[in-house]
N, C-alpha and C. Protein backbone atom coordinates (compact mmCIF):
# COMPACT_ATOMS: atom_id res chain seq x y z
N MET A 1 0.48 -1.40 -0.08
CA MET A 1 -0.24 0.05 0.41
C MET A 1 0.74 1.23 0.25
N PHE A 2 1.59 1.30 0.70
CA PHE A 2 2.44 2.34 0.91
C PHE A 2 4.27 2.40 0.02
N GLY A 3 4.40 1.27 -0.73
CA GLY A 3 5.17 0.59 -1.75
C GLY A 3 6.54 0.67 -0.80
N THR A 4 8.01 0.64 -1.38
CA THR A 4 9.21 -0.45 -1.16
C THR A 4 9.79 0.55 -0.51
N ALA A 5 9.99 2.09 -0.59
CA ALA A 5 10.70 3.22 0.02
C ALA A 5 10.07 3.72 1.53
N ALA A 6 8.47 2.46 2.24
CA ALA A 6 8.54 2.51 3.15
C ALA A 6 8.59 1.69 3.81
N LEU A 7 9.24 0.57 2.75
CA LEU A 7 9.82 -0.26 4.28
C LEU A 7 11.04 -0.55 3.50
N TRP A 8 12.02 0.28 3.60
CA TRP A 8 13.65 0.69 3.65
C TRP A 8 13.48 1.52 4.53
N ALA A 9 12.26 2.34 4.37
CA ALA A 9 12.22 3.57 5.57
C ALA A 9 12.36 3.43 6.82
N ALA A 10 11.25 2.13 7.04
CA ALA A 10 11.40 1.42 8.35
C ALA A 10 12.45 0.36 8.73
N PHE A 11 13.16 0.11 7.64
CA PHE A 11 14.30 -0.61 8.60
C PHE A 11 15.32 0.62 8.57
N LEU A 12 15.92 1.20 8.25
CA LEU A 12 16.54 2.92 8.56
C LEU A 12 16.42 2.71 9.83
N VAL A 13 15.05 2.94 10.31
CA VAL A 13 14.29 3.60 11.65
C VAL A 13 14.43 2.28 12.58
N ILE A 14 14.13 1.52 12.32
CA ILE A 14 14.03 -0.17 13.13
C ILE A 14 15.95 0.32 13.88
N ALA A 15 16.92 0.03 12.45
CA ALA A 15 18.29 0.05 12.16
C ALA A 15 18.25 0.41 13.64
N GLY A 16 18.69 1.44 13.85
CA GLY A 16 18.57 3.19 13.97
C GLY A 16 18.00 2.93 15.84
N LEU A 17 17.17 1.87 16.08
CA LEU A 17 16.91 2.13 17.65
C LEU A 17 18.19 0.52 18.18
N ALA A 18 18.10 -0.36 17.17
CA ALA A 18 18.96 -1.37 17.17
C ALA A 18 20.31 -1.52 17.33
N VAL A 19 20.70 0.11 16.98
CA VAL A 19 22.22 0.26 17.06
C VAL A 19 22.40 1.31 18.41
N SER A 20 21.11 2.34 18.98
CA SER A 20 21.71 3.07 20.27
C SER A 20 20.63 2.38 21.21
N LEU A 21 20.34 0.92 20.97
CA LEU A 21 19.53 -0.26 22.21
C LEU A 21 20.82 -0.95 22.50
N ALA A 22 22.01 -1.33 20.89
CA ALA A 22 23.68 -2.48 21.87
C ALA A 22 24.27 -0.89 22.36
N PHE A 23 24.26 0.73 21.83
CA PHE A 23 24.73 0.77 22.75
C PHE A 23 24.80 2.03 24.33
N LEU A 24 23.41 1.13 24.70
CA LEU A 24 22.28 1.38 25.95
C LEU A 24 22.66 0.24 26.62
N ILE A 25 22.82 -0.84 25.96
CA ILE A 25 23.16 -2.15 26.58
C ILE A 25 24.45 -2.59 27.18
N VAL A 26 25.84 -1.33 25.96
CA VAL A 26 27.53 -1.46 26.59
C VAL A 26 27.20 -0.98 27.54
N ARG A 27 26.13 0.85 28.12
CA ARG A 27 26.25 1.56 28.68
C ARG A 27 25.68 1.13 29.95
N PHE A 28 24.80 0.28 30.06
CA PHE A 28 24.46 0.08 30.89
C PHE A 28 24.60 -1.37 31.80
N GLY A 29 25.66 -1.80 31.85
CA GLY A 29 26.21 -3.54 31.87
C GLY A 29 27.50 -2.66 32.85
N PRO A 30 27.84 -1.65 33.00
CA PRO A 30 28.87 -1.74 34.38
C PRO A 30 28.78 -0.99 35.44
N VAL A 31 27.33 -0.12 35.07
CA VAL A 31 26.36 -0.17 36.23
C VAL A 31 25.33 -0.87 36.80
N SER A 32 24.83 -1.54 36.27
CA SER A 32 23.92 -2.38 36.52
C SER A 32 24.32 -3.44 35.39
N PRO A 33 24.56 -4.94 36.15
CA PRO A 33 24.55 -5.49 35.46
C PRO A 33 23.11 -6.32 35.01
N ALA A 34 22.35 -6.47 35.91
CA ALA A 34 21.18 -6.14 35.78
C ALA A 34 19.98 -5.88 34.51
N ALA A 35 20.26 -4.12 35.25
CA ALA A 35 19.79 -3.27 33.96
C ALA A 35 20.15 -4.42 32.31
N GLY A 36 21.43 -4.95 32.04
CA GLY A 36 21.54 -4.76 31.08
C GLY A 36 21.27 -6.55 30.25
N LEU A 37 20.91 -6.77 31.20
CA LEU A 37 20.55 -8.26 30.53
C LEU A 37 19.36 -8.20 30.81
N LEU A 38 18.71 -7.21 31.36
CA LEU A 38 17.33 -7.53 31.18
C LEU A 38 17.09 -6.71 29.56
N MET A 39 17.48 -5.94 28.70
CA MET A 39 17.31 -5.48 27.81
C MET A 39 18.12 -6.57 26.54
N LEU A 40 18.17 -7.92 27.12
CA LEU A 40 18.71 -8.73 25.27
C LEU A 40 17.89 -8.92 24.69
N PRO A 41 16.52 -9.19 25.47
CA PRO A 41 15.34 -10.30 25.04
C PRO A 41 15.03 -8.65 24.82
N TYR A 42 14.37 -7.47 24.26
CA TYR A 42 14.21 -7.34 23.67
C TYR A 42 14.98 -5.89 22.46
N PHE A 43 16.70 -6.62 23.24
CA PHE A 43 17.65 -5.95 21.43
C PHE A 43 17.21 -7.55 20.71
N SER A 44 16.63 -8.68 20.67
CA SER A 44 16.97 -9.56 20.31
C SER A 44 15.66 -9.38 19.49
N TRP A 45 14.08 -8.91 20.53
CA TRP A 45 13.20 -9.09 19.29
C TRP A 45 13.70 -7.93 18.16
N ILE A 46 13.88 -6.83 18.66
CA ILE A 46 13.50 -5.82 18.05
C ILE A 46 15.25 -6.68 16.77
N VAL A 47 16.37 -7.27 16.80
CA VAL A 47 17.10 -7.78 15.48
C VAL A 47 16.51 -8.79 14.26
N PHE A 48 14.98 -9.57 15.62
CA PHE A 48 13.96 -10.76 15.11
C PHE A 48 13.28 -9.19 14.07
N SER A 49 12.79 -8.35 13.92
CA SER A 49 12.04 -7.95 13.35
C SER A 49 12.33 -6.15 12.45
N SER A 50 13.99 -6.77 12.71
CA SER A 50 15.02 -5.96 11.79
C SER A 50 14.84 -7.21 10.59
N SER A 51 15.18 -8.14 10.52
CA SER A 51 16.22 -8.83 9.94
C SER A 51 14.21 -8.84 8.46
N LEU A 52 13.00 -9.15 8.97
CA LEU A 52 11.81 -9.57 9.11
C LEU A 52 11.34 -8.00 7.69
N ASN A 53 12.20 -7.12 8.23
CA ASN A 53 11.53 -5.71 7.38
C ASN A 53 12.00 -6.19 6.63
N LEU A 54 13.70 -6.18 6.47
CA LEU A 54 14.68 -6.59 5.59
C LEU A 54 14.15 -7.19 4.76
N TYR A 55 13.50 -8.74 4.74
CA TYR A 55 13.69 -9.33 4.09
C TYR A 55 12.17 -8.35 2.84
N SER A 56 11.41 -7.98 3.70
CA SER A 56 9.76 -7.62 2.83
C SER A 56 10.57 -6.59 1.70
N ALA A 57 11.51 -5.68 2.62
CA ALA A 57 11.89 -5.25 1.99
C ALA A 57 13.23 -5.08 -0.11
N ILE A 58 13.31 -6.15 0.91
CA ILE A 58 13.93 -6.70 -0.65
C ILE A 58 13.40 -8.15 -1.51
N HIS A 59 12.68 -8.57 -0.74
CA HIS A 59 11.49 -9.52 -1.81
C HIS A 59 10.45 -8.43 -2.37
N ASN A 60 10.08 -7.60 -2.13
CA ASN A 60 9.04 -7.14 -2.50
C ASN A 60 9.21 -5.68 -3.98
N GLN A 61 10.10 -5.96 -4.50
CA GLN A 61 10.03 -5.28 -5.28
C GLN A 61 9.87 -4.75 -6.51
N GLY A 62 8.96 -3.96 -6.42
CA GLY A 62 8.25 -3.93 -7.08
C GLY A 62 6.94 -5.54 -8.11
N LEU A 63 6.71 -5.31 -6.95
CA LEU A 63 5.22 -5.41 -7.14
C LEU A 63 3.78 -5.20 -7.24
N ARG A 64 3.00 -5.82 -7.80
CA ARG A 64 2.35 -5.17 -8.15
C ARG A 64 0.86 -5.46 -7.96
N CYS A 65 -0.63 -5.32 -7.23
CA CYS A 65 -1.80 -5.52 -6.63
C CYS A 65 -2.31 -4.57 -6.30
N ASN A 66 -3.62 -4.99 -8.06
CA ASN A 66 -4.66 -4.39 -7.72
C ASN A 66 -3.87 -3.14 -8.58
N GLY A 67 -3.14 -3.08 -9.50
CA GLY A 67 -3.05 -2.12 -10.26
C GLY A 67 -1.47 -0.82 -9.31
N PHE A 68 -1.51 -0.68 -8.74
CA PHE A 68 -0.15 -0.67 -7.37
C PHE A 68 0.68 -0.96 -7.07
N PHE A 69 1.11 -0.39 -7.19
CA PHE A 69 2.72 -1.25 -6.98
C PHE A 69 2.74 -1.33 -5.29
N LEU A 70 3.75 -1.77 -4.32
CA LEU A 70 3.30 -2.03 -4.03
C LEU A 70 5.89 -1.70 -3.36
């Protein structure tokens, strides 16, 4: 509905979130190891969702549905 440009933009947003989250985990580790460890499941979910988004962006190049580009 929004095109592949939106998928790539969403991937960039998720990648930025993953980078900032990795920085946060590294910074929280020395201060509170429990806080750093509790962020790891969220980080793994972000990495998983970014891989799904990347797959969708790569494999939906130029698809047409009902006359509209996806």
